Amino acid sequence: MSIHYETLIDSINVGIITVDANLTIHYINKWVAVHSNIQPDEAQGQNLLSVFDIPEEKLKSLKRHIKAALTLHSPSFFTADANGYLLAMQHSMTIKSAFEFMQQDVTIVPYDLEQKIVTMLIYDQTTLMEEKSKCNKESAELARAVKIANATIRKLETARNKLVKQQDMIYKQAHYDHLTSLANRTLLHQRLQLLIESNLASGKKFGVLFLDLDNFKEINDSLGHDIGDMILINVAKTLLLATRKTDTVARFGGDEFIILVDDIESEEVLRHIASKLVTNLQQPIRVHHMDIGVTTSIGISLFPDHGKDFNQLIKSADVALYEAKSAGRNTYKVFAPSKL
């Protein structure tokens, strides 16, 4: 809050107390401090009832007004006559001498709905009409200041939310394939490097499955790229459903996919996964009332047996993929070091 508004708050003839639904004091202004003989720092964190003696009946009423302000998201007004003020202030003019009928008005304004905090504006209406008019003017200025502050906060929150969304969008564009929403080469490289570092330390194994759709170029040429894109999207969904959430499924490019399978005990686990994928991808894909048959060939490499860095593991899996293609497609092969 700027110096102007701090000075304004401390100079107006209006008490300001910020409390939560449990009546814990979060803030009092100078007016309240002077008329209750308590320092602002001492009041913070105390319960309202430890500072003011509030009768049980008025306490219940106060709690109802606080609840109403938070529920309705609008100010609630509390009026107490001279025979029983809500908050009896010391050294104030709440003495029945100037008027026959006097009152203390309390306006309860919602401040933070999430934290259930309200601001109590206390008007001690025992002064002359000129003073009352001055207080009303100052309270209006305060209300405008609060409105401006709240508007600024909302603008900052909106700007922050936009920034977060932009950052998320930029991250997704840089790390995920725009067509299938799978990890792209960049994210694949990052995750494979993390697996290498982690498994070098632990001595565990992980596998790389290199998939390529069989005769996909002919499908694109005969049916068009739109149909081809829909097939790629369907294949991506199939791969995700057939793997664990801890595995990484990436589109390596075109009709090529790579799957990182972490924490495996033996090569047989990778063979089992590859066999399941070959079987699942044999199922016809329904596109525009057409059942299109797609098969895949898979090459497998194992860390650290077939490579200890990104390029070597991908190269080994690619060599095994070539062997699967040469064997008639629609099958899988595990890398054999003698093939290099």
Protein backbone atom coordinates (compact mmCIF):
# COMPACT_ATOMS: atom_id res chain seq x y z
CA MET A 1 0.00 0.00 0.00
CA SER A 2 1.37 3.44 -0.88
CA ILE A 3 2.33 6.05 1.74
CA HIS A 4 -0.71 8.13 0.74
CA TYR A 5 -3.17 5.41 1.72
CA GLU A 6 -1.30 4.48 4.89
CA THR A 7 -1.49 8.10 5.97
CA LEU A 8 -5.16 8.23 5.02
CA ILE A 9 -6.00 5.11 7.01
CA ASP A 10 -4.24 6.44 10.12
CA SER A 11 -5.81 9.90 9.86
CA ILE A 12 -9.49 9.10 9.35
CA ASN A 13 -11.93 8.99 12.24
CA VAL A 14 -12.90 5.44 11.42
CA GLY A 15 -11.76 2.27 13.14
CA ILE A 16 -10.50 -0.56 10.94
CA ILE A 17 -10.09 -4.10 12.19
CA THR A 18 -9.36 -7.08 9.95
CA VAL A 19 -10.36 -10.44 11.43
CA ASP A 20 -11.02 -13.96 10.20
CA ALA A 21 -14.04 -16.14 10.88
CA ASN A 22 -12.45 -17.29 14.17
CA LEU A 23 -12.15 -13.61 15.25
CA THR A 24 -8.34 -13.68 15.09
CA ILE A 25 -7.07 -10.12 14.52
CA HIS A 26 -4.91 -9.62 11.43
CA TYR A 27 -4.76 -5.81 11.42
CA ILE A 28 -5.94 -2.74 13.33
CA ASN A 29 -5.44 0.89 12.36
CA LYS A 30 -4.22 3.76 14.52
CA TRP A 31 -7.74 4.87 15.48
CA VAL A 32 -8.55 1.47 17.00
CA ALA A 33 -5.13 1.29 18.67
CA VAL A 34 -5.60 4.68 20.35
CA HIS A 35 -9.14 4.00 21.55
CA SER A 36 -8.48 0.48 22.81
CA ASN A 37 -5.11 1.15 24.46
CA ILE A 38 -3.35 -1.57 22.49
CA GLN A 39 -0.45 -1.47 20.07
CA PRO A 40 -1.10 -2.74 16.53
CA ASP A 41 1.77 -5.24 16.76
CA GLU A 42 0.40 -6.58 20.06
CA ALA A 43 -3.10 -6.95 18.63
CA GLN A 44 -2.05 -8.96 15.60
CA GLY A 45 -2.70 -12.64 16.22
CA GLN A 46 -4.89 -12.03 19.28
CA ASN A 47 -8.53 -12.94 19.45
CA LEU A 48 -10.98 -10.05 19.23
CA LEU A 49 -12.52 -11.16 22.52
CA SER A 50 -9.20 -10.68 24.34
CA VAL A 51 -9.20 -6.99 23.36
CA PHE A 52 -12.92 -6.15 23.59
CA ASP A 53 -15.58 -7.28 26.02
CA ILE A 54 -18.45 -8.21 23.70
CA PRO A 55 -21.73 -9.40 25.23
CA GLU A 56 -22.81 -12.89 24.22
CA GLU A 57 -25.91 -11.68 22.37
CA LYS A 58 -23.95 -9.14 20.31
CA LEU A 59 -21.18 -11.68 19.72
CA LYS A 60 -23.67 -14.04 18.11
CA SER A 61 -24.99 -11.21 15.99
CA LEU A 62 -21.47 -10.23 14.93
CA LYS A 63 -20.66 -13.78 13.85
CA ARG A 64 -23.88 -13.88 11.80
CA HIS A 65 -22.90 -10.65 10.02
CA ILE A 66 -19.40 -11.98 9.29
CA LYS A 67 -20.86 -15.18 7.89
CA ALA A 68 -23.35 -13.18 5.79
CA ALA A 69 -20.59 -10.97 4.34
CA LEU A 70 -18.47 -14.00 3.37
CA THR A 71 -21.42 -15.95 2.01
CA LEU A 72 -23.03 -13.13 0.03
CA HIS A 73 -19.71 -11.56 -1.01
CA SER A 74 -21.06 -8.14 -0.02
CA PRO A 75 -20.96 -5.76 2.96
CA SER A 76 -23.06 -6.47 6.03
CA PHE A 77 -24.12 -3.68 8.39
CA PHE A 78 -24.26 -3.87 12.20
CA THR A 79 -25.71 -1.10 14.35
CA ALA A 80 -25.56 -0.89 18.15
CA ASP A 81 -27.22 1.86 20.19
CA ALA A 82 -25.67 3.83 23.06
CA ASN A 83 -26.92 1.37 25.66
CA GLY A 84 -24.74 -1.40 24.35
CA TYR A 85 -22.06 -0.71 21.79
CA LEU A 86 -20.59 -3.64 19.93
CA LEU A 87 -17.01 -2.49 20.57
CA ALA A 88 -16.76 -0.14 23.56
CA MET A 89 -13.85 2.21 22.88
CA GLN A 90 -11.86 3.98 25.61
CA HIS A 91 -11.23 7.73 25.34
CA SER A 92 -13.79 7.97 22.58
CA MET A 93 -16.83 10.18 22.29
CA THR A 94 -19.25 7.32 22.86
CA ILE A 95 -20.72 9.16 25.87
CA LYS A 96 -24.38 10.06 25.80
CA SER A 97 -23.97 13.80 26.09
CA ALA A 98 -24.17 15.42 22.67
CA PHE A 99 -27.28 13.62 21.45
CA GLU A 100 -30.22 11.93 23.03
CA PHE A 101 -29.93 9.04 20.56
CA MET A 102 -26.48 7.95 19.53
CA GLN A 103 -25.11 4.86 17.84
CA GLN A 104 -22.04 2.98 16.67
CA ASP A 105 -22.18 1.60 13.14
CA VAL A 106 -20.01 -1.32 12.01
CA THR A 107 -19.72 -2.22 8.34
CA ILE A 108 -18.35 -5.71 7.70
CA VAL A 109 -16.72 -6.00 4.29
CA PRO A 110 -15.43 -9.29 2.78
CA TYR A 111 -11.66 -8.99 2.31
CA ASP A 112 -10.32 -12.48 1.49
CA LEU A 113 -12.99 -15.09 0.77
CA GLU A 114 -10.54 -17.98 0.54
CA GLN A 115 -9.03 -17.24 3.96
CA LYS A 116 -12.45 -16.16 5.35
CA ILE A 117 -11.18 -12.73 6.36
CA VAL A 118 -13.33 -9.59 6.70
CA THR A 119 -12.62 -5.93 7.38
CA MET A 120 -14.70 -4.19 10.04
CA LEU A 121 -15.19 -0.44 9.51
CA ILE A 122 -16.25 1.18 12.81
CA TYR A 123 -18.07 4.51 12.70
CA ASP A 124 -18.37 6.22 16.08
CA GLN A 125 -21.33 8.50 15.36
CA THR A 126 -21.26 10.77 18.41
CA THR A 127 -19.55 13.77 16.84
CA LEU A 128 -21.12 16.75 15.11
CA MET A 129 -22.59 16.40 11.63
CA GLU A 130 -19.53 18.10 10.11
CA GLU A 131 -17.27 15.44 11.54
CA LYS A 132 -19.62 12.75 10.38
CA SER A 133 -19.59 14.19 6.88
CA LYS A 134 -15.81 14.24 6.94
CA CYS A 135 -15.71 10.61 8.04
CA ASN A 136 -18.09 9.61 5.27
CA LYS A 137 -15.91 11.35 2.73
CA GLU A 138 -12.78 9.70 4.05
CA SER A 139 -14.44 6.29 4.15
CA ALA A 140 -15.48 6.76 0.53
CA GLU A 141 -11.86 7.53 -0.34
CA LEU A 142 -10.82 4.43 1.55
CA ALA A 143 -13.40 2.35 -0.30
CA ARG A 144 -12.08 3.69 -3.60
CA ALA A 145 -8.53 2.88 -2.48
CA VAL A 146 -9.57 -0.66 -1.56
CA LYS A 147 -11.35 -0.99 -4.90
CA ILE A 148 -8.24 0.19 -6.76
CA ALA A 149 -6.03 -2.15 -4.73
CA ASN A 150 -8.34 -5.10 -5.39
CA ALA A 151 -8.46 -4.28 -9.11
CA THR A 152 -4.66 -4.14 -9.19
CA ILE A 153 -4.42 -7.49 -7.43
CA ARG A 154 -6.87 -9.02 -9.93
CA LYS A 155 -4.85 -7.63 -12.85
CA LEU A 156 -1.65 -9.05 -11.38
CA GLU A 157 -3.29 -12.44 -10.85
CA THR A 158 -4.62 -12.40 -14.42
CA ALA A 159 -1.18 -11.49 -15.76
CA ARG A 160 0.42 -14.24 -13.68
CA ASN A 161 -2.11 -16.82 -14.91
CA LYS A 162 -1.49 -15.78 -18.51
CA LEU A 163 2.25 -16.06 -17.97
CA VAL A 164 1.90 -19.56 -16.48
CA LYS A 165 -0.28 -20.64 -19.41
CA GLN A 166 2.19 -19.19 -21.89
CA GLN A 167 5.05 -20.98 -20.15
CA ASP A 168 3.09 -24.26 -20.22
CA MET A 169 2.28 -23.74 -23.90
CA ILE A 170 5.92 -22.97 -24.77
CA TYR A 171 7.09 -26.02 -22.82
CA LYS A 172 4.58 -28.31 -24.55
CA GLN A 173 5.49 -26.93 -27.98
CA ALA A 174 9.17 -27.57 -27.23
CA HIS A 175 8.78 -31.04 -25.70
CA TYR A 176 5.69 -32.71 -27.19
CA ASP A 177 4.66 -33.79 -30.69
CA HIS A 178 1.94 -31.49 -32.05
CA LEU A 179 0.00 -34.32 -33.75
CA THR A 180 0.03 -37.19 -31.24
CA SER A 181 0.85 -35.26 -28.03
CA LEU A 182 3.56 -37.83 -27.33
CA ALA A 183 7.03 -36.82 -26.20
CA ASN A 184 9.15 -35.46 -29.06
CA ARG A 185 12.86 -35.99 -29.74
CA THR A 186 13.90 -33.27 -27.29
CA LEU A 187 11.99 -34.73 -24.35
CA LEU A 188 12.98 -38.27 -25.38
CA HIS A 189 16.66 -37.29 -25.28
CA GLN A 190 16.24 -35.67 -21.83
CA ARG A 191 14.46 -38.68 -20.34
CA LEU A 192 16.87 -41.19 -21.87
CA GLN A 193 19.81 -39.24 -20.44
CA LEU A 194 18.14 -39.29 -16.99
CA LEU A 195 17.65 -43.07 -17.28
CA ILE A 196 21.29 -43.54 -18.25
CA GLU A 197 22.54 -41.50 -15.29
CA SER A 198 20.14 -43.19 -12.85
CA ASN A 199 20.82 -46.73 -14.02
CA LEU A 200 24.59 -46.27 -14.23
CA ALA A 201 24.48 -45.48 -10.50
CA SER A 202 22.01 -48.24 -9.55
CA GLY A 203 23.21 -50.94 -11.95
CA LYS A 204 19.67 -51.55 -13.20
CA LYS A 205 18.68 -52.15 -16.81
CA PHE A 206 16.23 -50.43 -19.14
CA GLY A 207 15.15 -51.05 -22.70
CA VAL A 208 14.66 -49.08 -25.90
CA LEU A 209 11.96 -50.19 -28.36
CA PHE A 210 12.22 -48.65 -31.85
CA LEU A 211 8.92 -49.03 -33.76
CA ASP A 212 8.26 -48.34 -37.43
CA LEU A 213 4.88 -48.82 -39.14
CA ASP A 214 5.07 -51.22 -42.07
CA ASN A 215 4.32 -49.82 -45.54
CA PHE A 216 2.99 -46.57 -44.08
CA LYS A 217 4.13 -44.57 -47.11
CA GLU A 218 1.76 -46.56 -49.32
CA ILE A 219 -1.14 -45.72 -46.96
CA ASN A 220 -0.28 -42.02 -47.11
CA ASP A 221 0.06 -42.06 -50.90
CA SER A 222 -3.17 -43.98 -51.53
CA LEU A 223 -5.48 -42.60 -48.82
CA GLY A 224 -3.99 -39.17 -48.16
CA HIS A 225 -2.10 -37.55 -45.30
CA ASP A 226 -5.27 -36.77 -43.31
CA ILE A 227 -6.00 -40.49 -43.04
CA GLY A 228 -2.34 -41.10 -42.28
CA ASP A 229 -2.43 -38.57 -39.43
CA MET A 230 -5.51 -40.23 -37.92
CA ILE A 231 -3.72 -43.59 -38.05
CA LEU A 232 -0.70 -42.11 -36.29
CA ILE A 233 -2.94 -40.66 -33.56
CA ASN A 234 -4.63 -44.04 -33.10
CA VAL A 235 -1.28 -45.85 -32.95
CA ALA A 236 -0.08 -43.36 -30.31
CA LYS A 237 -3.14 -44.11 -28.15
CA THR A 238 -2.55 -47.87 -28.54
CA LEU A 239 1.08 -47.53 -27.44
CA LEU A 240 0.10 -45.49 -24.39
CA LEU A 241 -2.54 -48.03 -23.37
CA ALA A 242 -0.11 -50.93 -23.78
CA THR A 243 2.66 -49.39 -21.63
CA ARG A 244 3.07 -48.23 -18.07
CA LYS A 245 2.76 -44.63 -16.93
CA THR A 246 6.42 -44.76 -15.91
CA ASP A 247 7.48 -45.62 -19.48
CA THR A 248 8.15 -42.91 -22.06
CA VAL A 249 6.38 -43.14 -25.43
CA ALA A 250 7.79 -40.74 -28.02
CA ARG A 251 7.21 -39.98 -31.68
CA PHE A 252 10.70 -40.09 -33.17
CA GLY A 253 9.62 -38.77 -36.55
CA GLY A 254 7.19 -39.64 -39.36
CA ASP A 255 5.84 -43.11 -38.58
CA GLU A 256 8.64 -43.95 -36.14
CA PHE A 257 8.06 -44.30 -32.40
CA ILE A 258 10.39 -45.04 -29.49
CA ILE A 259 9.44 -46.46 -26.10
CA LEU A 260 11.72 -46.33 -23.05
CA VAL A 261 10.99 -49.17 -20.64
CA ASP A 262 12.59 -48.60 -17.24
CA ASP A 263 13.44 -51.00 -14.41
CA ILE A 264 13.49 -54.38 -16.14
CA GLU A 265 15.17 -57.54 -14.95
CA SER A 266 15.94 -59.21 -18.27
CA GLU A 267 15.70 -59.09 -22.05
CA GLU A 268 12.67 -61.39 -21.87
CA VAL A 269 10.56 -58.57 -20.41
CA LEU A 270 11.26 -56.47 -23.51
CA ARG A 271 10.45 -59.41 -25.79
CA HIS A 272 7.11 -59.84 -24.03
CA ILE A 273 6.25 -56.13 -24.39
CA ALA A 274 7.27 -56.08 -28.06
CA SER A 275 5.20 -59.19 -28.79
CA LYS A 276 2.15 -57.60 -27.16
CA LEU A 277 2.62 -54.40 -29.16
CA VAL A 278 2.92 -56.29 -32.44
CA THR A 279 -0.32 -58.13 -31.64
CA ASN A 280 -2.23 -55.02 -30.50
CA LEU A 281 -1.24 -53.00 -33.57
CA GLN A 282 -2.47 -55.76 -35.89
CA GLN A 283 -6.04 -54.82 -35.01
CA PRO A 284 -7.73 -52.87 -37.88
CA ILE A 285 -8.09 -49.14 -37.30
CA ARG A 286 -11.51 -47.62 -38.04
CA VAL A 287 -11.16 -44.36 -39.98
CA HIS A 288 -14.08 -42.75 -41.88
CA HIS A 289 -16.03 -46.02 -42.05
CA MET A 290 -12.94 -47.86 -43.31
CA ASP A 291 -11.06 -50.63 -41.50
CA ILE A 292 -7.39 -50.05 -42.22
CA GLY A 293 -4.84 -52.72 -41.36
CA VAL A 294 -1.55 -51.52 -39.93
CA THR A 295 1.38 -53.60 -38.72
CA THR A 296 4.66 -52.64 -37.10
CA SER A 297 8.25 -53.83 -36.91
CA ILE A 298 10.18 -53.35 -33.68
CA GLY A 299 13.89 -53.21 -32.87
CA ILE A 300 15.06 -53.66 -29.28
CA SER A 301 18.22 -52.55 -27.49
CA LEU A 302 19.10 -53.02 -23.82
CA PHE A 303 21.06 -50.74 -21.49
CA PRO A 304 23.92 -51.24 -20.74
CA ASP A 305 24.45 -54.37 -22.88
CA HIS A 306 23.86 -52.67 -26.24
CA GLY A 307 25.01 -49.13 -25.49
CA LYS A 308 25.68 -46.64 -22.72
CA ASP A 309 24.73 -43.39 -24.41
CA PHE A 310 21.78 -41.98 -26.35
CA ASN A 311 23.21 -42.41 -29.85
CA GLN A 312 24.49 -45.95 -29.31
CA LEU A 313 21.22 -47.21 -27.80
CA ILE A 314 19.13 -45.67 -30.61
CA LYS A 315 21.56 -46.98 -33.24
CA SER A 316 21.46 -50.50 -31.78
CA ALA A 317 17.65 -50.48 -31.72
CA ASP A 318 17.61 -49.16 -35.30
CA VAL A 319 19.86 -52.02 -36.45
CA ALA A 320 17.51 -54.50 -34.77
CA LEU A 321 14.54 -52.77 -36.46
CA TYR A 322 16.20 -53.27 -39.85
CA GLU A 323 16.57 -56.96 -39.02
CA ALA A 324 12.83 -57.15 -38.19
CA LYS A 325 12.00 -55.51 -41.53
CA SER A 326 14.28 -57.93 -43.35
CA ALA A 327 12.61 -60.85 -41.58
CA GLY A 328 9.29 -60.02 -43.24
CA ARG A 329 7.97 -57.17 -41.04
CA ASN A 330 5.19 -57.43 -38.40
CA THR A 331 7.68 -58.83 -35.90
CA TYR A 332 10.43 -57.75 -33.52
CA LYS A 333 14.15 -58.38 -33.17
CA VAL A 334 16.62 -57.85 -30.33
CA PHE A 335 19.93 -56.25 -31.23
CA ALA A 336 22.78 -58.70 -31.80
CA PRO A 337 26.23 -57.08 -31.32
CA SER A 338 27.61 -59.06 -34.27
CA LYS A 339 25.33 -57.10 -36.61
CA LEU A 340 27.32 -53.85 -36.13
